[in-house]
N, C-alpha and C. Protein backbone atom coordinates (compact mmCIF):
# COMPACT_ATOMS: atom_id res chain seq x y z
N MET A 1 0.84 -1.17 0.00
CA MET A 1 0.00 0.00 0.00
C MET A 1 0.89 1.24 0.00
N THR A 2 0.67 2.12 -0.96
CA THR A 2 1.44 3.35 -1.05
C THR A 2 0.52 4.52 -0.80
N MET A 3 0.64 5.10 0.37
CA MET A 3 -0.17 6.26 0.72
C MET A 3 0.57 7.51 0.26
N THR A 4 -0.04 8.26 -0.64
CA THR A 4 0.56 9.46 -1.21
C THR A 4 0.12 10.69 -0.43
N PRO A 5 1.06 11.51 0.06
CA PRO A 5 0.68 12.75 0.72
C PRO A 5 -0.01 13.67 -0.29
N VAL A 6 -1.19 14.20 0.09
CA VAL A 6 -1.97 15.01 -0.83
C VAL A 6 -2.00 16.47 -0.38
N CYS A 7 -2.32 16.71 0.87
CA CYS A 7 -2.38 18.07 1.40
C CYS A 7 -2.38 18.00 2.92
N GLU A 8 -2.15 19.13 3.54
CA GLU A 8 -2.25 19.18 4.99
C GLU A 8 -3.72 19.18 5.36
N VAL A 9 -4.06 18.48 6.44
CA VAL A 9 -5.46 18.35 6.83
C VAL A 9 -6.09 19.72 7.09
N ASP A 10 -5.31 20.67 7.59
CA ASP A 10 -5.83 22.02 7.87
C ASP A 10 -6.18 22.78 6.59
N GLU A 11 -5.70 22.32 5.44
CA GLU A 11 -6.03 22.97 4.16
C GLU A 11 -7.41 22.57 3.66
N LEU A 12 -8.00 21.53 4.25
CA LEU A 12 -9.32 21.06 3.81
C LEU A 12 -10.39 21.68 4.69
N PRO A 13 -11.22 22.53 4.13
CA PRO A 13 -12.32 23.08 4.93
C PRO A 13 -13.35 21.99 5.20
N GLU A 14 -13.85 21.94 6.41
CA GLU A 14 -14.84 20.92 6.75
C GLU A 14 -16.13 21.17 5.95
N GLY A 15 -16.63 20.11 5.33
CA GLY A 15 -17.90 20.18 4.62
C GLY A 15 -17.84 20.73 3.21
N LYS A 16 -16.63 20.86 2.65
CA LYS A 16 -16.51 21.37 1.28
C LYS A 16 -15.66 20.41 0.45
N PRO A 17 -16.21 19.90 -0.67
CA PRO A 17 -15.43 18.99 -1.51
C PRO A 17 -14.26 19.72 -2.19
N VAL A 18 -13.12 19.05 -2.23
CA VAL A 18 -11.92 19.64 -2.84
C VAL A 18 -11.29 18.59 -3.76
N ARG A 19 -10.99 19.00 -4.98
CA ARG A 19 -10.41 18.10 -5.98
C ARG A 19 -8.88 18.10 -5.89
N HIS A 20 -8.32 16.90 -6.06
CA HIS A 20 -6.86 16.73 -6.14
C HIS A 20 -6.57 15.63 -7.15
N ASP A 21 -5.42 15.73 -7.79
CA ASP A 21 -4.91 14.63 -8.62
C ASP A 21 -3.92 13.86 -7.76
N VAL A 22 -4.17 12.56 -7.62
CA VAL A 22 -3.31 11.72 -6.80
C VAL A 22 -2.82 10.56 -7.67
N ASP A 23 -1.55 10.59 -7.97
CA ASP A 23 -0.94 9.55 -8.81
C ASP A 23 -1.72 9.34 -10.10
N GLY A 24 -2.15 10.44 -10.72
CA GLY A 24 -2.85 10.39 -12.00
C GLY A 24 -4.33 10.09 -11.91
N VAL A 25 -4.88 10.04 -10.70
CA VAL A 25 -6.31 9.77 -10.50
C VAL A 25 -6.97 11.02 -9.92
N SER A 26 -8.10 11.42 -10.51
CA SER A 26 -8.86 12.56 -9.98
C SER A 26 -9.61 12.09 -8.74
N VAL A 27 -9.34 12.75 -7.62
CA VAL A 27 -9.92 12.38 -6.33
C VAL A 27 -10.58 13.60 -5.72
N VAL A 28 -11.78 13.39 -5.14
CA VAL A 28 -12.42 14.45 -4.38
C VAL A 28 -12.27 14.10 -2.90
N LEU A 29 -11.74 15.04 -2.13
CA LEU A 29 -11.57 14.86 -0.70
C LEU A 29 -12.67 15.61 0.02
N VAL A 30 -13.23 14.99 1.05
CA VAL A 30 -14.26 15.62 1.87
C VAL A 30 -13.89 15.40 3.33
N ARG A 31 -13.77 16.50 4.06
CA ARG A 31 -13.47 16.42 5.49
C ARG A 31 -14.77 16.61 6.26
N ASP A 32 -15.03 15.70 7.21
CA ASP A 32 -16.19 15.85 8.07
C ASP A 32 -15.77 15.53 9.50
N ALA A 33 -16.73 15.41 10.39
CA ALA A 33 -16.43 15.16 11.80
C ALA A 33 -15.77 13.80 12.02
N HIS A 34 -15.88 12.88 11.05
CA HIS A 34 -15.33 11.54 11.19
C HIS A 34 -13.95 11.39 10.55
N GLY A 35 -13.47 12.41 9.86
CA GLY A 35 -12.17 12.31 9.20
C GLY A 35 -12.22 12.84 7.79
N VAL A 36 -11.41 12.24 6.92
CA VAL A 36 -11.35 12.65 5.52
C VAL A 36 -11.71 11.46 4.64
N HIS A 37 -12.60 11.71 3.68
CA HIS A 37 -13.04 10.68 2.74
C HIS A 37 -12.46 11.02 1.37
N ALA A 38 -12.11 10.00 0.61
CA ALA A 38 -11.58 10.18 -0.74
C ALA A 38 -12.40 9.34 -1.71
N LEU A 39 -13.02 10.00 -2.68
CA LEU A 39 -13.82 9.32 -3.69
C LEU A 39 -13.28 9.67 -5.07
N HIS A 40 -13.54 8.78 -6.03
CA HIS A 40 -13.19 9.10 -7.41
C HIS A 40 -14.00 10.32 -7.82
N ASP A 41 -13.35 11.30 -8.41
CA ASP A 41 -14.00 12.58 -8.72
C ASP A 41 -14.72 12.55 -10.05
N VAL A 42 -15.45 11.47 -10.30
CA VAL A 42 -16.22 11.35 -11.54
C VAL A 42 -17.56 10.70 -11.20
N CYS A 43 -18.65 11.40 -11.50
CA CYS A 43 -19.98 10.86 -11.28
C CYS A 43 -20.16 9.62 -12.15
N SER A 44 -20.69 8.56 -11.57
CA SER A 44 -20.87 7.31 -12.32
C SER A 44 -22.01 7.39 -13.33
N HIS A 45 -22.80 8.43 -13.26
CA HIS A 45 -23.91 8.59 -14.20
C HIS A 45 -23.52 9.48 -15.38
N ALA A 46 -23.01 10.67 -15.08
CA ALA A 46 -22.80 11.65 -16.14
C ALA A 46 -21.34 11.97 -16.42
N GLU A 47 -20.43 11.35 -15.68
CA GLU A 47 -19.00 11.56 -15.87
C GLU A 47 -18.59 13.03 -15.77
N VAL A 48 -19.12 13.72 -14.76
CA VAL A 48 -18.71 15.09 -14.45
C VAL A 48 -18.06 15.08 -13.08
N ALA A 49 -17.36 16.16 -12.74
CA ALA A 49 -16.62 16.24 -11.49
C ALA A 49 -17.56 16.36 -10.29
N LEU A 50 -17.47 15.39 -9.38
CA LEU A 50 -18.25 15.46 -8.15
C LEU A 50 -17.76 16.57 -7.23
N SER A 51 -16.51 16.96 -7.38
CA SER A 51 -15.95 18.03 -6.54
C SER A 51 -16.64 19.37 -6.77
N GLU A 52 -17.38 19.49 -7.86
CA GLU A 52 -18.13 20.72 -8.12
C GLU A 52 -19.52 20.68 -7.49
N GLY A 53 -19.84 19.56 -6.84
CA GLY A 53 -21.14 19.40 -6.20
C GLY A 53 -21.12 19.90 -4.76
N ASP A 54 -22.17 19.55 -4.04
CA ASP A 54 -22.34 20.00 -2.66
C ASP A 54 -22.51 18.80 -1.74
N LEU A 55 -22.28 19.04 -0.45
CA LEU A 55 -22.57 18.04 0.56
C LEU A 55 -23.99 18.27 1.05
N VAL A 56 -24.75 17.19 1.16
CA VAL A 56 -26.12 17.25 1.64
C VAL A 56 -26.31 16.13 2.66
N THR A 57 -27.30 16.28 3.52
CA THR A 57 -27.63 15.24 4.48
C THR A 57 -28.93 14.59 4.05
N LYS A 58 -28.89 13.27 3.92
CA LYS A 58 -30.08 12.49 3.56
C LYS A 58 -30.15 11.28 4.47
N GLY A 59 -31.27 11.10 5.11
CA GLY A 59 -31.43 9.96 6.01
C GLY A 59 -30.41 9.95 7.13
N GLY A 60 -29.97 11.12 7.56
CA GLY A 60 -28.99 11.22 8.63
C GLY A 60 -27.56 10.99 8.20
N LYS A 61 -27.33 10.78 6.89
CA LYS A 61 -25.98 10.56 6.38
C LYS A 61 -25.54 11.73 5.51
N LEU A 62 -24.25 12.02 5.58
CA LEU A 62 -23.68 13.05 4.73
C LEU A 62 -23.38 12.45 3.37
N MET A 63 -23.86 13.11 2.32
CA MET A 63 -23.71 12.62 0.95
C MET A 63 -23.07 13.70 0.09
N LEU A 64 -22.43 13.26 -0.98
CA LEU A 64 -21.90 14.16 -1.99
C LEU A 64 -22.87 14.17 -3.16
N GLU A 65 -23.42 15.34 -3.45
CA GLU A 65 -24.43 15.47 -4.49
C GLU A 65 -23.83 16.00 -5.78
N CYS A 66 -24.06 15.29 -6.88
CA CYS A 66 -23.58 15.72 -8.19
C CYS A 66 -24.34 16.97 -8.60
N TRP A 67 -23.64 17.95 -9.09
CA TRP A 67 -24.23 19.23 -9.46
C TRP A 67 -25.08 19.16 -10.72
N LEU A 68 -24.87 18.15 -11.57
CA LEU A 68 -25.55 18.14 -12.86
C LEU A 68 -26.97 17.57 -12.78
N HIS A 69 -27.10 16.37 -12.21
CA HIS A 69 -28.42 15.73 -12.18
C HIS A 69 -28.91 15.40 -10.78
N GLY A 70 -28.12 15.71 -9.76
CA GLY A 70 -28.58 15.53 -8.39
C GLY A 70 -28.38 14.16 -7.78
N SER A 71 -27.64 13.28 -8.43
CA SER A 71 -27.35 11.99 -7.80
C SER A 71 -26.50 12.22 -6.56
N CYS A 72 -26.79 11.47 -5.50
CA CYS A 72 -26.05 11.60 -4.25
C CYS A 72 -25.28 10.31 -3.98
N PHE A 73 -24.07 10.45 -3.45
CA PHE A 73 -23.20 9.31 -3.20
C PHE A 73 -22.77 9.31 -1.73
N ASP A 74 -22.87 8.13 -1.10
CA ASP A 74 -22.47 7.95 0.28
C ASP A 74 -20.94 8.11 0.38
N LEU A 75 -20.49 8.93 1.31
CA LEU A 75 -19.05 9.19 1.44
C LEU A 75 -18.25 7.95 1.85
N ARG A 76 -18.87 7.02 2.56
CA ARG A 76 -18.16 5.85 3.06
C ARG A 76 -18.16 4.67 2.09
N THR A 77 -19.25 4.56 1.31
CA THR A 77 -19.38 3.39 0.43
C THR A 77 -19.35 3.73 -1.05
N GLY A 78 -19.58 4.99 -1.39
CA GLY A 78 -19.65 5.40 -2.78
C GLY A 78 -20.97 5.04 -3.44
N ALA A 79 -21.88 4.40 -2.69
CA ALA A 79 -23.15 3.96 -3.25
C ALA A 79 -24.06 5.15 -3.54
N PRO A 80 -24.75 5.12 -4.69
CA PRO A 80 -25.73 6.17 -4.97
C PRO A 80 -26.97 5.93 -4.14
N THR A 81 -27.64 7.01 -3.76
CA THR A 81 -28.83 6.87 -2.93
C THR A 81 -30.10 7.04 -3.75
N GLY A 82 -29.97 7.27 -5.02
CA GLY A 82 -31.15 7.41 -5.87
C GLY A 82 -30.75 7.73 -7.29
N LEU A 83 -31.73 7.72 -8.14
CA LEU A 83 -31.51 7.97 -9.56
C LEU A 83 -31.10 9.42 -9.80
N PRO A 84 -30.44 9.70 -10.91
CA PRO A 84 -30.26 8.81 -12.04
C PRO A 84 -29.06 7.86 -11.93
N ALA A 85 -28.15 8.07 -10.99
CA ALA A 85 -27.00 7.17 -10.88
C ALA A 85 -27.45 5.82 -10.32
N THR A 86 -26.90 4.75 -10.86
CA THR A 86 -27.18 3.41 -10.36
C THR A 86 -25.91 2.67 -9.95
N ASP A 87 -24.77 3.16 -10.39
CA ASP A 87 -23.49 2.53 -10.06
C ASP A 87 -22.75 3.36 -9.01
N PRO A 88 -22.04 2.70 -8.10
CA PRO A 88 -21.27 3.44 -7.10
C PRO A 88 -20.03 4.08 -7.70
N VAL A 89 -19.44 5.00 -6.96
CA VAL A 89 -18.13 5.56 -7.31
C VAL A 89 -17.11 4.94 -6.35
N ALA A 90 -15.87 4.86 -6.79
CA ALA A 90 -14.82 4.26 -5.96
C ALA A 90 -14.52 5.14 -4.76
N VAL A 91 -14.29 4.48 -3.63
CA VAL A 91 -13.84 5.13 -2.41
C VAL A 91 -12.45 4.58 -2.11
N PHE A 92 -11.51 5.48 -1.87
CA PHE A 92 -10.11 5.09 -1.71
C PHE A 92 -9.66 5.15 -0.25
N ALA A 93 -8.66 4.36 0.06
CA ALA A 93 -8.07 4.34 1.40
C ALA A 93 -7.44 5.70 1.70
N THR A 94 -7.68 6.19 2.93
CA THR A 94 -7.09 7.45 3.38
C THR A 94 -6.52 7.27 4.78
N GLU A 95 -5.62 8.16 5.13
CA GLU A 95 -5.13 8.24 6.50
C GLU A 95 -4.65 9.66 6.75
N ILE A 96 -4.63 10.04 7.99
CA ILE A 96 -4.05 11.31 8.39
C ILE A 96 -2.84 10.99 9.23
N SER A 97 -1.70 11.47 8.79
CA SER A 97 -0.44 11.17 9.47
C SER A 97 0.40 12.44 9.53
N GLN A 98 0.80 12.81 10.72
CA GLN A 98 1.63 13.99 10.95
C GLN A 98 1.03 15.23 10.31
N GLY A 99 -0.29 15.35 10.39
CA GLY A 99 -0.98 16.52 9.87
C GLY A 99 -1.26 16.50 8.38
N TRP A 100 -0.86 15.42 7.71
CA TRP A 100 -1.07 15.31 6.26
C TRP A 100 -2.15 14.28 5.94
N VAL A 101 -2.94 14.60 4.92
CA VAL A 101 -3.90 13.64 4.37
C VAL A 101 -3.15 12.82 3.34
N ARG A 102 -3.24 11.50 3.47
CA ARG A 102 -2.59 10.59 2.54
C ARG A 102 -3.67 9.69 1.92
N VAL A 103 -3.53 9.45 0.62
CA VAL A 103 -4.52 8.67 -0.12
C VAL A 103 -3.80 7.63 -0.96
N ASP A 104 -4.40 6.45 -1.07
CA ASP A 104 -3.90 5.41 -1.96
C ASP A 104 -4.97 5.14 -3.02
N PRO A 105 -4.87 5.79 -4.19
CA PRO A 105 -5.89 5.60 -5.22
C PRO A 105 -5.86 4.23 -5.89
N ALA A 106 -4.85 3.43 -5.58
CA ALA A 106 -4.79 2.08 -6.11
C ALA A 106 -5.53 1.11 -5.19
N ARG A 107 -5.91 1.58 -4.00
CA ARG A 107 -6.56 0.71 -3.02
C ARG A 107 -8.00 1.18 -2.77
N ARG A 108 -8.92 0.53 -3.44
CA ARG A 108 -10.34 0.82 -3.23
C ARG A 108 -10.81 0.14 -1.95
N ILE A 109 -11.53 0.89 -1.14
CA ILE A 109 -12.13 0.27 0.04
C ILE A 109 -13.62 0.05 -0.16
N ALA A 110 -14.16 0.65 -1.21
CA ALA A 110 -15.58 0.47 -1.55
C ALA A 110 -15.79 0.99 -2.98
N GLY A 111 -16.98 0.69 -3.49
CA GLY A 111 -17.36 1.20 -4.82
C GLY A 111 -16.91 0.38 -5.93
């Protein structure tokens, strides 16, 4: 497992999606009260950047909502919560070490 340093955790505003390229993979990082989540930054329905979307709460869960058609994706599993998306997006392994967010885009933990 190769965890690539992406940014300092303090650079990520809580509740705002931020796009990064990690080892040639477009990744959207989302910081919340539980840590930092890393998802593939491509909507599985329309192939647009999820990092341009918003965070919304549905059913008590924080979701990443695609700006184009409104599909929402679970931050932990990448699963869509409704149409038009039917396929999940990849969720990648993350860690916070010495104040840095590290991501392994070769290691999917879900999606």
